[in-house]
Amino acid sequence: MSSSAKIAVLGAGAWGTALGCAMVRAGHEVLIWGRNESVVSEINAGRNPAYLNNISLEKDLTATDSLQKAVSGARVILLVIPAQSISKMVGDLSAIIDNNQIIIACAKGIEQKSGKTPAQLISCLVNSENIGVLSGPSFASDVARALPTALTLAFDDMARAKKYADLLSSDNFRIYASNDVIGVELGGALKNVLALAVGAARGMELGASAEAALIARGFSELRHLAVKMGGNRETLSGLSGLGDLVLTASSTQSRNFSYGVALGRGEDIAGLALAEGVHTAQIAGKLARDIGVEAPIIQSVGDVLAGKLTAQNAVRQLLSRPLKAENE
């Protein structure tokens, strides 16, 4: 870590609170912004039971419901709100943001309406060189409890990525630098869709072999699509692609995986917390079709969520596809 900084964390959910804890441990002055007054009060009292059960938060972590207070004077702004809410947040920030502040998008997703990633959505707020993306294999509860975690931070400029990776890292929160913003974003967004597919396989009790096949073939789709959209192949094989997929598609701690399990079991999903992959699946399938990338697993997930297919029929369709060379 190079120096102390004031950091604003916009979003008081599990991931925003966990990142706030990590930033305090890295020696920074941290202020979390949240809309819900009761959540803000709980964070100031040392916990966030609505999102992180009974995990004790860092004692120097504070929260506010004033967006202007949170971002005023902040050197770095961590944007930790769902991808589908970023457009509205852009409007809220436009009058109070400093063009020279650093904004790091920490959400994983693609906006359904526009097909844009979080970094693309916030590009109107600050200079492009000041936009970063943080992603990788991480559960909020692990980070909040200071368990070892490794992530990727991408800026267009590698020197800037290294500077802020160093600034935000600590002993148990290690950040690796990248200059592949789009690759890091797409790895984080698309793996959520694949986690839904693997969860559905678990729910249908198709076995560990089928789950492994979905992860491997799904990763091939993820990589082909991300590379066609401008990402680097090496990025997708790292923390923000393969690493994040392995974590998210293998644990019920993942909301995407758990949502998929419920789909596979044919359970009522109306009361489940909505997973980000649900929003991303259909727009990801559309993007694949538009640029000519074959992505049958991603598109099947979108069709199931849209009610065009049952999970069982989606499996039958995938199994009836023509065999071909593995690397095609």
C-alpha atoms as a PDB file:
ATOM      1  CA  MET A   1       0.000   0.000   0.000  1.00  0.00           C
ATOM      2  CA  SER A   2       1.444   3.378  -1.000  1.00  0.00           C
ATOM      3  CA  SER A   3      -0.570   6.002   0.976  1.00  0.00           C
ATOM      4  CA  SER A   4      -3.847   6.776   2.714  1.00  0.00           C
ATOM      5  CA  ALA A   5      -6.797   8.163   0.767  1.00  0.00           C
ATOM      6  CA  LYS A   6     -10.417   9.099   1.254  1.00  0.00           C
ATOM      7  CA  ILE A   7     -12.578   6.472  -0.408  1.00  0.00           C
ATOM      8  CA  ALA A   8     -16.310   6.590  -1.073  1.00  0.00           C
ATOM      9  CA  VAL A   9     -18.161   3.299  -1.418  1.00  0.00           C
ATOM     10  CA  LEU A  10     -21.489   3.774  -3.184  1.00  0.00           C
ATOM     11  CA  GLY A  11     -23.673   0.862  -2.186  1.00  0.00           C
ATOM     12  CA  ALA A  12     -24.367  -0.475   1.304  1.00  0.00           C
ATOM     13  CA  GLY A  13     -25.177  -4.070   0.381  1.00  0.00           C
ATOM     14  CA  ALA A  14     -23.010  -7.077   1.137  1.00  0.00           C
ATOM     15  CA  TRP A  15     -20.316  -6.368  -1.439  1.00  0.00           C
ATOM     16  CA  GLY A  16     -20.145  -2.622  -0.778  1.00  0.00           C
ATOM     17  CA  THR A  17     -19.868  -3.177   2.967  1.00  0.00           C
ATOM     18  CA  ALA A  18     -17.232  -5.870   2.510  1.00  0.00           C
ATOM     19  CA  LEU A  19     -15.176  -3.633   0.222  1.00  0.00           C
ATOM     20  CA  GLY A  20     -15.496  -0.856   2.768  1.00  0.00           C
ATOM     21  CA  CYS A  21     -14.006  -3.159   5.394  1.00  0.00           C
ATOM     22  CA  ALA A  22     -11.156  -4.094   3.044  1.00  0.00           C
ATOM     23  CA  MET A  23     -10.399  -0.440   2.360  1.00  0.00           C
ATOM     24  CA  VAL A  24     -10.290   0.398   6.089  1.00  0.00           C
ATOM     25  CA  ARG A  25      -7.816  -2.451   6.580  1.00  0.00           C
ATOM     26  CA  ALA A  26      -5.719  -1.005   3.770  1.00  0.00           C
ATOM     27  CA  GLY A  27      -5.420   2.173   5.830  1.00  0.00           C
ATOM     28  CA  HIS A  28      -7.953   4.418   4.106  1.00  0.00           C
ATOM     29  CA  GLU A  29     -10.658   6.775   5.344  1.00  0.00           C
ATOM     30  CA  VAL A  30     -13.856   5.138   4.120  1.00  0.00           C
ATOM     31  CA  LEU A  31     -17.415   6.398   3.901  1.00  0.00           C
ATOM     32  CA  ILE A  32     -20.172   4.118   2.600  1.00  0.00           C
ATOM     33  CA  TRP A  33     -23.269   5.585   0.983  1.00  0.00           C
ATOM     34  CA  GLY A  34     -26.607   3.778   1.181  1.00  0.00           C
ATOM     35  CA  ARG A  35     -30.236   4.714   0.452  1.00  0.00           C
ATOM     36  CA  ASN A  36     -31.703   2.785   3.393  1.00  0.00           C
ATOM     37  CA  GLU A  37     -31.431   4.740   6.643  1.00  0.00           C
ATOM     38  CA  SER A  38     -31.721   1.635   8.822  1.00  0.00           C
ATOM     39  CA  VAL A  39     -28.864  -0.101   6.961  1.00  0.00           C
ATOM     40  CA  VAL A  40     -26.735   3.046   7.299  1.00  0.00           C
ATOM     41  CA  SER A  41     -27.452   3.114  11.039  1.00  0.00           C
ATOM     42  CA  GLU A  42     -26.560  -0.566  11.423  1.00  0.00           C
ATOM     43  CA  ILE A  43     -23.232  -0.062   9.616  1.00  0.00           C
ATOM     44  CA  ASN A  44     -22.408   2.859  11.909  1.00  0.00           C
ATOM     45  CA  ALA A  45     -23.186   0.546  14.825  1.00  0.00           C
ATOM     46  CA  GLY A  46     -20.675  -2.023  13.549  1.00  0.00           C
ATOM     47  CA  ARG A  47     -22.806  -4.547  11.642  1.00  0.00           C
ATOM     48  CA  ASN A  48     -24.927  -4.971   8.528  1.00  0.00           C
ATOM     49  CA  PRO A  49     -27.305  -7.803   9.492  1.00  0.00           C
ATOM     50  CA  ALA A  50     -29.543  -7.312   6.455  1.00  0.00           C
ATOM     51  CA  TYR A  51     -26.696  -8.375   4.158  1.00  0.00           C
ATOM     52  CA  LEU A  52     -23.818  -9.822   6.212  1.00  0.00           C
ATOM     53  CA  ASN A  53     -25.569 -11.582   9.107  1.00  0.00           C
ATOM     54  CA  ASN A  54     -23.608 -11.098  12.333  1.00  0.00           C
ATOM     55  CA  ILE A  55     -20.165 -10.355  10.901  1.00  0.00           C
ATOM     56  CA  SER A  56     -18.452  -7.593  12.873  1.00  0.00           C
ATOM     57  CA  LEU A  57     -17.373  -4.695  10.665  1.00  0.00           C
ATOM     58  CA  GLU A  58     -14.209  -2.627  10.980  1.00  0.00           C
ATOM     59  CA  LYS A  59     -14.630  -0.088  13.786  1.00  0.00           C
ATOM     60  CA  ASP A  60     -13.509   2.855  11.619  1.00  0.00           C
ATOM     61  CA  LEU A  61     -16.042   2.108   8.885  1.00  0.00           C
ATOM     62  CA  THR A  62     -18.772   4.746   8.650  1.00  0.00           C
ATOM     63  CA  ALA A  63     -21.849   5.227   6.478  1.00  0.00           C
ATOM     64  CA  THR A  64     -24.145   8.018   5.312  1.00  0.00           C
ATOM     65  CA  ASP A  65     -27.347   8.414   3.312  1.00  0.00           C
ATOM     66  CA  SER A  66     -26.044  11.645   1.748  1.00  0.00           C
ATOM     67  CA  LEU A  67     -24.588  10.961  -1.687  1.00  0.00           C
ATOM     68  CA  GLN A  68     -22.934  14.376  -1.862  1.00  0.00           C
ATOM     69  CA  LYS A  69     -21.270  13.905   1.521  1.00  0.00           C
ATOM     70  CA  ALA A  70     -19.955  10.494   0.459  1.00  0.00           C
ATOM     71  CA  VAL A  71     -18.306  11.617  -2.787  1.00  0.00           C
ATOM     72  CA  SER A  72     -17.135  15.066  -1.696  1.00  0.00           C
ATOM     73  CA  GLY A  73     -13.364  15.073  -1.468  1.00  0.00           C
ATOM     74  CA  ALA A  74     -13.053  11.355  -2.198  1.00  0.00           C
ATOM     75  CA  ARG A  75      -9.960  10.416  -4.162  1.00  0.00           C
ATOM     76  CA  VAL A  76     -11.477   7.083  -5.202  1.00  0.00           C
ATOM     77  CA  ILE A  77     -15.149   6.203  -5.641  1.00  0.00           C
ATOM     78  CA  LEU A  78     -16.038   2.509  -5.614  1.00  0.00           C
ATOM     79  CA  LEU A  79     -19.337   2.092  -7.465  1.00  0.00           C
ATOM     80  CA  VAL A  80     -20.934  -0.977  -5.894  1.00  0.00           C
ATOM     81  CA  ILE A  81     -24.524  -0.947  -7.106  1.00  0.00           C
ATOM     82  CA  PRO A  82     -26.274  -3.400  -9.463  1.00  0.00           C
ATOM     83  CA  ALA A  83     -25.478  -2.934 -13.136  1.00  0.00           C
ATOM     84  CA  GLN A  84     -29.151  -2.295 -13.915  1.00  0.00           C
ATOM     85  CA  SER A  85     -29.189   0.703 -11.517  1.00  0.00           C
ATOM     86  CA  ILE A  86     -26.058   2.441 -12.792  1.00  0.00           C
ATOM     87  CA  SER A  87     -27.783   4.626 -15.399  1.00  0.00           C
ATOM     88  CA  LYS A  88     -29.896   6.251 -12.683  1.00  0.00           C
ATOM     89  CA  MET A  89     -26.833   6.671 -10.488  1.00  0.00           C
ATOM     90  CA  VAL A  90     -25.036   8.406 -13.355  1.00  0.00           C
ATOM     91  CA  GLY A  91     -27.810  11.003 -13.330  1.00  0.00           C
ATOM     92  CA  ASP A  92     -27.542  11.436  -9.565  1.00  0.00           C
ATOM     93  CA  LEU A  93     -23.749  11.855  -9.713  1.00  0.00           C
ATOM     94  CA  SER A  94     -23.501  14.080 -12.759  1.00  0.00           C
ATOM     95  CA  ALA A  95     -23.941  17.338 -10.842  1.00  0.00           C
ATOM     96  CA  ILE A  96     -21.698  16.482  -7.872  1.00  0.00           C
ATOM     97  CA  ILE A  97     -18.812  14.489  -9.321  1.00  0.00           C
ATOM     98  CA  ASP A  98     -15.351  15.899 -10.007  1.00  0.00           C
ATOM     99  CA  ASN A  99     -14.087  15.029 -13.484  1.00  0.00           C
ATOM    100  CA  ASN A 100     -10.694  14.125 -11.991  1.00  0.00           C
ATOM    101  CA  GLN A 101     -11.980  11.700  -9.369  1.00  0.00           C
ATOM    102  CA  ILE A 102     -11.261   8.007  -9.844  1.00  0.00           C
ATOM    103  CA  ILE A 103     -14.361   5.844 -10.294  1.00  0.00           C
ATOM    104  CA  ILE A 104     -13.989   2.079 -10.076  1.00  0.00           C
ATOM    105  CA  ALA A 105     -16.952  -0.030 -11.179  1.00  0.00           C
ATOM    106  CA  CYS A 106     -17.366  -3.027  -8.878  1.00  0.00           C
ATOM    107  CA  ALA A 107     -20.661  -4.427 -10.227  1.00  0.00           C
ATOM    108  CA  LYS A 108     -20.778  -7.462 -12.509  1.00  0.00           C
ATOM    109  CA  GLY A 109     -23.317  -7.281 -15.277  1.00  0.00           C
ATOM    110  CA  ILE A 110     -24.472  -5.819 -18.574  1.00  0.00           C
ATOM    111  CA  GLU A 111     -27.317  -3.326 -18.748  1.00  0.00           C
ATOM    112  CA  GLN A 112     -30.292  -4.987 -20.419  1.00  0.00           C
ATOM    113  CA  LYS A 113     -31.584  -1.871 -22.146  1.00  0.00           C
ATOM    114  CA  SER A 114     -28.364  -0.705 -23.770  1.00  0.00           C
ATOM    115  CA  GLY A 115     -26.036  -3.717 -23.783  1.00  0.00           C
ATOM    116  CA  LYS A 116     -23.403  -1.549 -22.071  1.00  0.00           C
ATOM    117  CA  THR A 117     -21.033  -2.566 -19.301  1.00  0.00           C
ATOM    118  CA  PRO A 118     -20.722  -0.535 -16.063  1.00  0.00           C
ATOM    119  CA  ALA A 119     -17.538   1.200 -17.259  1.00  0.00           C
ATOM    120  CA  GLN A 120     -19.267   2.199 -20.482  1.00  0.00           C
ATOM    121  CA  LEU A 121     -22.257   3.536 -18.550  1.00  0.00           C
ATOM    122  CA  ILE A 122     -20.132   5.806 -16.343  1.00  0.00           C
ATOM    123  CA  SER A 123     -17.878   7.028 -19.151  1.00  0.00           C
ATOM    124  CA  CYS A 124     -19.786  10.334 -19.300  1.00  0.00           C
ATOM    125  CA  LEU A 125     -18.948  11.210 -15.688  1.00  0.00           C
ATOM    126  CA  VAL A 126     -15.147  11.473 -15.619  1.00  0.00           C
ATOM    127  CA  ASN A 127     -12.137  11.375 -17.906  1.00  0.00           C
ATOM    128  CA  SER A 128     -11.784   7.914 -19.439  1.00  0.00           C
ATOM    129  CA  GLU A 129      -8.350   7.381 -17.887  1.00  0.00           C
ATOM    130  CA  ASN A 130      -9.983   7.710 -14.452  1.00  0.00           C
ATOM    131  CA  ILE A 131     -12.374   4.771 -14.936  1.00  0.00           C
ATOM    132  CA  GLY A 132     -11.393   1.400 -13.524  1.00  0.00           C
ATOM    133  CA  VAL A 133     -13.036  -1.987 -13.045  1.00  0.00           C
ATOM    134  CA  LEU A 134     -12.598  -4.330 -10.072  1.00  0.00           C
ATOM    135  CA  SER A 135     -13.618  -7.968 -10.478  1.00  0.00           C
ATOM    136  CA  GLY A 136     -12.625 -11.511  -9.624  1.00  0.00           C
ATOM    137  CA  PRO A 137     -13.469 -14.544  -7.469  1.00  0.00           C
ATOM    138  CA  SER A 138     -14.805 -13.198  -4.196  1.00  0.00           C
ATOM    139  CA  PHE A 139     -17.629 -13.740  -1.758  1.00  0.00           C
ATOM    140  CA  ALA A 140     -18.581 -10.680   0.275  1.00  0.00           C
ATOM    141  CA  SER A 141     -18.634 -12.633   3.541  1.00  0.00           C
ATOM    142  CA  ASP A 142     -15.045 -13.815   2.962  1.00  0.00           C
ATOM    143  CA  VAL A 143     -13.818 -10.281   2.309  1.00  0.00           C
ATOM    144  CA  ALA A 144     -15.744  -8.868   5.286  1.00  0.00           C
ATOM    145  CA  ARG A 145     -14.080 -11.471   7.525  1.00  0.00           C
ATOM    146  CA  ALA A 146     -10.621 -10.640   6.110  1.00  0.00           C
ATOM    147  CA  LEU A 147     -10.138 -14.053   4.520  1.00  0.00           C
ATOM    148  CA  PRO A 148      -7.514 -14.133   1.711  1.00  0.00           C
ATOM    149  CA  THR A 149      -8.925 -12.858  -1.593  1.00  0.00           C
ATOM    150  CA  ALA A 150      -7.359 -11.981  -4.963  1.00  0.00           C
ATOM    151  CA  LEU A 151      -8.999  -9.696  -7.526  1.00  0.00           C
ATOM    152  CA  THR A 152      -8.168  -7.912 -10.774  1.00  0.00           C
ATOM    153  CA  LEU A 153      -8.221  -4.132 -11.216  1.00  0.00           C
ATOM    154  CA  ALA A 154      -8.232  -2.841 -14.782  1.00  0.00           C
ATOM    155  CA  PHE A 155      -7.660   0.618 -16.220  1.00  0.00           C
ATOM    156  CA  ASP A 156      -6.919   1.428 -19.850  1.00  0.00           C
ATOM    157  CA  ASP A 157      -3.400   2.391 -18.749  1.00  0.00           C
ATOM    158  CA  MET A 158      -1.331  -0.311 -17.049  1.00  0.00           C
ATOM    159  CA  ALA A 159       0.689   2.172 -15.001  1.00  0.00           C
ATOM    160  CA  ARG A 160      -2.514   3.579 -13.536  1.00  0.00           C
ATOM    161  CA  ALA A 161      -3.853   0.082 -12.896  1.00  0.00           C
ATOM    162  CA  LYS A 162      -0.683  -0.814 -10.976  1.00  0.00           C
ATOM    163  CA  LYS A 163      -0.818   2.444  -8.999  1.00  0.00           C
ATOM    164  CA  TYR A 164      -4.359   1.867  -7.760  1.00  0.00           C
ATOM    165  CA  ALA A 165      -3.944  -1.876  -7.314  1.00  0.00           C
ATOM    166  CA  ASP A 166      -1.122  -1.045  -4.921  1.00  0.00           C
ATOM    167  CA  LEU A 167      -3.137   1.684  -3.200  1.00  0.00           C
ATOM    168  CA  LEU A 168      -6.163  -0.541  -2.523  1.00  0.00           C
ATOM    169  CA  SER A 169      -4.377  -3.790  -1.614  1.00  0.00           C
ATOM    170  CA  SER A 170      -3.597  -5.133   1.843  1.00  0.00           C
ATOM    171  CA  ASP A 171      -2.139  -8.347   3.247  1.00  0.00           C
ATOM    172  CA  ASN A 172      -5.271 -10.468   2.735  1.00  0.00           C
ATOM    173  CA  PHE A 173      -6.785  -8.413  -0.078  1.00  0.00           C
ATOM    174  CA  ARG A 174      -4.488  -8.729  -3.068  1.00  0.00           C
ATOM    175  CA  ILE A 175      -5.222  -6.876  -6.299  1.00  0.00           C
ATOM    176  CA  TYR A 176      -3.539  -7.644  -9.619  1.00  0.00           C
ATOM    177  CA  ALA A 177      -3.321  -5.003 -12.345  1.00  0.00           C
ATOM    178  CA  SER A 178      -4.666  -5.258 -15.888  1.00  0.00           C
ATOM    179  CA  ASN A 179      -5.203  -2.908 -18.834  1.00  0.00           C
ATOM    180  CA  ASP A 180      -8.060  -4.983 -20.289  1.00  0.00           C
ATOM    181  CA  VAL A 181     -11.140  -3.171 -18.977  1.00  0.00           C
ATOM    182  CA  ILE A 182     -13.674  -4.830 -21.293  1.00  0.00           C
ATOM    183  CA  GLY A 183     -12.217  -8.301 -20.751  1.00  0.00           C
ATOM    184  CA  VAL A 184     -12.358  -7.973 -16.967  1.00  0.00           C
ATOM    185  CA  GLU A 185     -15.933  -6.688 -17.112  1.00  0.00           C
ATOM    186  CA  LEU A 186     -17.214  -9.375 -19.479  1.00  0.00           C
ATOM    187  CA  GLY A 187     -15.545 -12.156 -17.510  1.00  0.00           C
ATOM    188  CA  GLY A 188     -17.396 -11.044 -14.384  1.00  0.00           C
ATOM    189  CA  ALA A 189     -20.712 -10.537 -16.154  1.00  0.00           C
ATOM    190  CA  LEU A 190     -20.860 -13.684 -18.269  1.00  0.00           C
ATOM    191  CA  LYS A 191     -19.751 -16.075 -15.547  1.00  0.00           C
ATOM    192  CA  ASN A 192     -22.981 -15.236 -13.682  1.00  0.00           C
ATOM    193  CA  VAL A 193     -25.018 -16.592 -16.585  1.00  0.00           C
ATOM    194  CA  LEU A 194     -23.003 -19.801 -16.620  1.00  0.00           C
ATOM    195  CA  ALA A 195     -23.378 -20.184 -12.851  1.00  0.00           C
ATOM    196  CA  LEU A 196     -27.139 -20.232 -13.402  1.00  0.00           C
ATOM    197  CA  ALA A 197     -26.691 -23.085 -15.886  1.00  0.00           C
ATOM    198  CA  VAL A 198     -24.467 -25.119 -13.562  1.00  0.00           C
ATOM    199  CA  GLY A 199     -26.848 -24.493 -10.670  1.00  0.00           C
ATOM    200  CA  ALA A 200     -29.735 -25.768 -12.776  1.00  0.00           C
ATOM    201  CA  ALA A 201     -27.754 -28.935 -13.480  1.00  0.00           C
ATOM    202  CA  ARG A 202     -27.279 -29.382  -9.728  1.00  0.00           C
ATOM    203  CA  GLY A 203     -30.981 -28.831  -9.170  1.00  0.00           C
ATOM    204  CA  MET A 204     -31.832 -31.495 -11.776  1.00  0.00           C
ATOM    205  CA  GLU A 205     -29.282 -33.858 -10.183  1.00  0.00           C
ATOM    206  CA  LEU A 206     -27.444 -34.387 -13.460  1.00  0.00           C
ATOM    207  CA  GLY A 207     -24.224 -35.229 -11.644  1.00  0.00           C
ATOM    208  CA  ALA A 208     -20.763 -33.748 -11.156  1.00  0.00           C
ATOM    209  CA  SER A 209     -19.623 -34.793 -14.631  1.00  0.00           C
ATOM    210  CA  ALA A 210     -22.380 -32.761 -16.283  1.00  0.00           C
ATOM    211  CA  GLU A 211     -21.573 -29.771 -14.090  1.00  0.00           C
ATOM    212  CA  ALA A 212     -17.895 -29.957 -15.050  1.00  0.00           C
ATOM    213  CA  ALA A 213     -18.824 -30.166 -18.719  1.00  0.00           C
ATOM    214  CA  LEU A 214     -21.041 -27.077 -18.414  1.00  0.00           C
ATOM    215  CA  ILE A 215     -18.256 -25.142 -16.726  1.00  0.00           C
ATOM    216  CA  ALA A 216     -15.725 -26.097 -19.399  1.00  0.00           C
ATOM    217  CA  ARG A 217     -17.973 -25.607 -22.422  1.00  0.00           C
ATOM    218  CA  GLY A 218     -19.512 -22.509 -20.878  1.00  0.00           C
ATOM    219  CA  PHE A 219     -16.086 -21.028 -20.306  1.00  0.00           C
ATOM    220  CA  SER A 220     -15.310 -21.594 -23.984  1.00  0.00           C
ATOM    221  CA  GLU A 221     -18.440 -19.573 -24.871  1.00  0.00           C
ATOM    222  CA  LEU A 222     -17.526 -16.847 -22.388  1.00  0.00           C
ATOM    223  CA  ARG A 223     -14.040 -16.531 -23.796  1.00  0.00           C
ATOM    224  CA  HIS A 224     -15.124 -16.523 -27.460  1.00  0.00           C
ATOM    225  CA  LEU A 225     -17.763 -13.862 -26.823  1.00  0.00           C
ATOM    226  CA  ALA A 226     -15.529 -11.647 -24.685  1.00  0.00           C
ATOM    227  CA  VAL A 227     -12.644 -11.815 -27.146  1.00  0.00           C
ATOM    228  CA  LYS A 228     -14.950 -10.979 -30.053  1.00  0.00           C
ATOM    229  CA  MET A 229     -16.116  -7.947 -28.071  1.00  0.00           C
ATOM    230  CA  GLY A 230     -12.557  -6.715 -27.544  1.00  0.00           C
ATOM    231  CA  GLY A 231     -11.269  -8.583 -24.488  1.00  0.00           C
ATOM    232  CA  ASN A 232      -7.920 -10.355 -24.303  1.00  0.00           C
ATOM    233  CA  ARG A 233      -7.863 -14.147 -24.257  1.00  0.00           C
ATOM    234  CA  GLU A 234      -5.321 -14.191 -21.404  1.00  0.00           C
ATOM    235  CA  THR A 235      -7.566 -12.030 -19.223  1.00  0.00           C
ATOM    236  CA  LEU A 236     -10.421 -14.519 -19.465  1.00  0.00           C
ATOM    237  CA  SER A 237      -8.145 -17.323 -18.269  1.00  0.00           C
ATOM    238  CA  GLY A 238      -7.293 -15.340 -15.142  1.00  0.00           C
ATOM    239  CA  LEU A 239      -8.998 -14.245 -11.942  1.00  0.00           C
ATOM    240  CA  SER A 240     -11.791 -12.225 -13.532  1.00  0.00           C
ATOM    241  CA  GLY A 241     -12.796 -14.977 -15.954  1.00  0.00           C
ATOM    242  CA  LEU A 242     -12.030 -18.598 -15.175  1.00  0.00           C
ATOM    243  CA  GLY A 243     -11.243 -17.934 -11.516  1.00  0.00           C
ATOM    244  CA  ASP A 244     -14.538 -16.170 -10.913  1.00  0.00           C
ATOM    245  CA  LEU A 245     -16.479 -18.814 -12.851  1.00  0.00           C
ATOM    246  CA  VAL A 246     -15.028 -21.680 -10.802  1.00  0.00           C
ATOM    247  CA  LEU A 247     -16.019 -19.952  -7.552  1.00  0.00           C
ATOM    248  CA  THR A 248     -19.482 -18.822  -8.604  1.00  0.00           C
ATOM    249  CA  ALA A 249     -20.466 -22.083 -10.287  1.00  0.00           C
ATOM    250  CA  SER A 250     -19.524 -24.311  -7.374  1.00  0.00           C
ATOM    251  CA  SER A 251     -21.017 -22.888  -4.194  1.00  0.00           C
ATOM    252  CA  THR A 252     -24.456 -22.162  -2.803  1.00  0.00           C
ATOM    253  CA  GLN A 253     -22.982 -18.945  -1.399  1.00  0.00           C
ATOM    254  CA  SER A 254     -23.395 -17.690  -4.956  1.00  0.00           C
ATOM    255  CA  ARG A 255     -26.846 -16.189  -5.565  1.00  0.00           C
ATOM    256  CA  ASN A 256     -26.560 -17.068  -9.256  1.00  0.00           C
ATOM    257  CA  PHE A 257     -25.759 -20.710  -8.518  1.00  0.00           C
ATOM    258  CA  SER A 258     -28.513 -20.963  -5.899  1.00  0.00           C
ATOM    259  CA  TYR A 259     -31.030 -19.358  -8.259  1.00  0.00           C
ATOM    260  CA  GLY A 260     -30.057 -21.912 -10.894  1.00  0.00           C
ATOM    261  CA  VAL A 261     -30.539 -24.761  -8.427  1.00  0.00           C
ATOM    262  CA  ALA A 262     -34.079 -23.548  -7.763  1.00  0.00           C
ATOM    263  CA  LEU A 263     -34.748 -23.348 -11.507  1.00  0.00           C
ATOM    264  CA  GLY A 264     -33.488 -26.888 -12.005  1.00  0.00           C
ATOM    265  CA  ARG A 265     -35.700 -28.187  -9.217  1.00  0.00           C
ATOM    266  CA  GLY A 266     -38.728 -26.439 -10.652  1.00  0.00           C
ATOM    267  CA  GLU A 267     -39.212 -24.431  -7.469  1.00  0.00           C
ATOM    268  CA  ASP A 268     -41.122 -21.174  -7.175  1.00  0.00           C
ATOM    269  CA  ILE A 269     -38.477 -18.503  -7.741  1.00  0.00           C
ATOM    270  CA  ALA A 270     -40.754 -15.535  -7.064  1.00  0.00           C
ATOM    271  CA  GLY A 271     -39.413 -15.029  -3.554  1.00  0.00           C
ATOM    272  CA  LEU A 272     -35.737 -15.491  -4.347  1.00  0.00           C
ATOM    273  CA  ALA A 273     -33.260 -12.626  -4.302  1.00  0.00           C
ATOM    274  CA  LEU A 274     -32.776 -11.769  -7.958  1.00  0.00           C
ATOM    275  CA  ALA A 275     -29.334 -12.767  -9.194  1.00  0.00           C
ATOM    276  CA  GLU A 276     -27.445 -10.440 -11.542  1.00  0.00           C
ATOM    277  CA  GLY A 277     -27.056 -13.243 -14.082  1.00  0.00           C
ATOM    278  CA  VAL A 278     -30.837 -13.203 -14.593  1.00  0.00           C
ATOM    279  CA  HIS A 279     -30.562  -9.665 -15.960  1.00  0.00           C
ATOM    280  CA  THR A 280     -27.457 -10.433 -17.996  1.00  0.00           C
ATOM    281  CA  ALA A 281     -28.514 -13.690 -19.660  1.00  0.00           C
ATOM    282  CA  GLN A 282     -30.858 -12.372 -22.347  1.00  0.00           C
ATOM    283  CA  ILE A 283     -28.751  -9.366 -23.328  1.00  0.00           C
ATOM    284  CA  ALA A 284     -25.658 -11.600 -23.447  1.00  0.00           C
ATOM    285  CA  GLY A 285     -27.483 -13.993 -25.793  1.00  0.00           C
ATOM    286  CA  LYS A 286     -28.517 -11.069 -27.995  1.00  0.00           C
ATOM    287  CA  LEU A 287     -24.971  -9.709 -28.123  1.00  0.00           C
ATOM    288  CA  ALA A 288     -23.680 -13.153 -29.111  1.00  0.00           C
ATOM    289  CA  ARG A 289     -26.215 -13.416 -31.928  1.00  0.00           C
ATOM    290  CA  ASP A 290     -25.528  -9.884 -33.128  1.00  0.00           C
ATOM    291  CA  ILE A 291     -21.789 -10.439 -33.503  1.00  0.00           C
ATOM    292  CA  GLY A 292     -22.015 -14.012 -34.775  1.00  0.00           C
ATOM    293  CA  VAL A 293     -20.701 -15.951 -31.767  1.00  0.00           C
ATOM    294  CA  GLU A 294     -22.216 -19.369 -31.108  1.00  0.00           C
ATOM    295  CA  ALA A 295     -23.166 -19.489 -27.423  1.00  0.00           C
ATOM    296  CA  PRO A 296     -25.793 -22.218 -26.920  1.00  0.00           C
ATOM    297  CA  ILE A 297     -25.425 -22.471 -23.143  1.00  0.00           C
ATOM    298  CA  ILE A 298     -25.723 -18.729 -22.586  1.00  0.00           C
ATOM    299  CA  GLN A 299     -28.668 -18.507 -24.971  1.00  0.00           C
ATOM    300  CA  SER A 300     -30.398 -21.504 -23.375  1.00  0.00           C
ATOM    301  CA  VAL A 301     -30.204 -19.835 -19.966  1.00  0.00           C
ATOM    302  CA  GLY A 302     -31.814 -16.731 -21.446  1.00  0.00           C
ATOM    303  CA  ASP A 303     -34.569 -18.797 -23.056  1.00  0.00           C
ATOM    304  CA  VAL A 304     -35.330 -20.614 -19.795  1.00  0.00           C
ATOM    305  CA  LEU A 305     -35.532 -17.343 -17.872  1.00  0.00           C
ATOM    306  CA  ALA A 306     -37.783 -15.869 -20.563  1.00  0.00           C
ATOM    307  CA  GLY A 307     -40.141 -18.841 -20.277  1.00  0.00           C
ATOM    308  CA  LYS A 308     -39.401 -20.063 -23.800  1.00  0.00           C
ATOM    309  CA  LEU A 309     -37.917 -23.346 -22.540  1.00  0.00           C
ATOM    310  CA  THR A 310     -38.028 -25.475 -19.436  1.00  0.00           C
ATOM    311  CA  ALA A 311     -34.680 -26.308 -17.879  1.00  0.00           C
ATOM    312  CA  GLN A 312     -35.243 -29.940 -18.813  1.00  0.00           C
ATOM    313  CA  ASN A 313     -35.898 -29.109 -22.481  1.00  0.00           C
ATOM    314  CA  ALA A 314     -32.859 -26.846 -22.543  1.00  0.00           C
ATOM    315  CA  VAL A 315     -30.706 -29.795 -21.460  1.00  0.00           C
ATOM    316  CA  ARG A 316     -32.227 -31.985 -24.159  1.00  0.00           C
ATOM    317  CA  GLN A 317     -31.492 -29.352 -26.793  1.00  0.00           C
ATOM    318  CA  LEU A 318     -27.885 -28.974 -25.657  1.00  0.00           C
ATOM    319  CA  LEU A 319     -27.371 -32.747 -25.691  1.00  0.00           C
ATOM    320  CA  SER A 320     -28.836 -33.047 -29.189  1.00  0.00           C
ATOM    321  CA  ARG A 321     -26.436 -30.536 -30.742  1.00  0.00           C
ATOM    322  CA  PRO A 322     -24.077 -31.961 -33.412  1.00  0.00           C
ATOM    323  CA  LEU A 323     -20.716 -33.135 -32.149  1.00  0.00           C
ATOM    324  CA  LYS A 324     -17.705 -31.170 -33.380  1.00  0.00           C
ATOM    325  CA  ALA A 325     -14.044 -30.537 -32.631  1.00  0.00           C
ATOM    326  CA  GLU A 326     -13.613 -29.246 -29.086  1.00  0.00           C
ATOM    327  CA  ASN A 327     -11.825 -26.041 -30.064  1.00  0.00           C
ATOM    328  CA  GLU A 328     -14.402 -24.965 -32.649  1.00  0.00           C
END
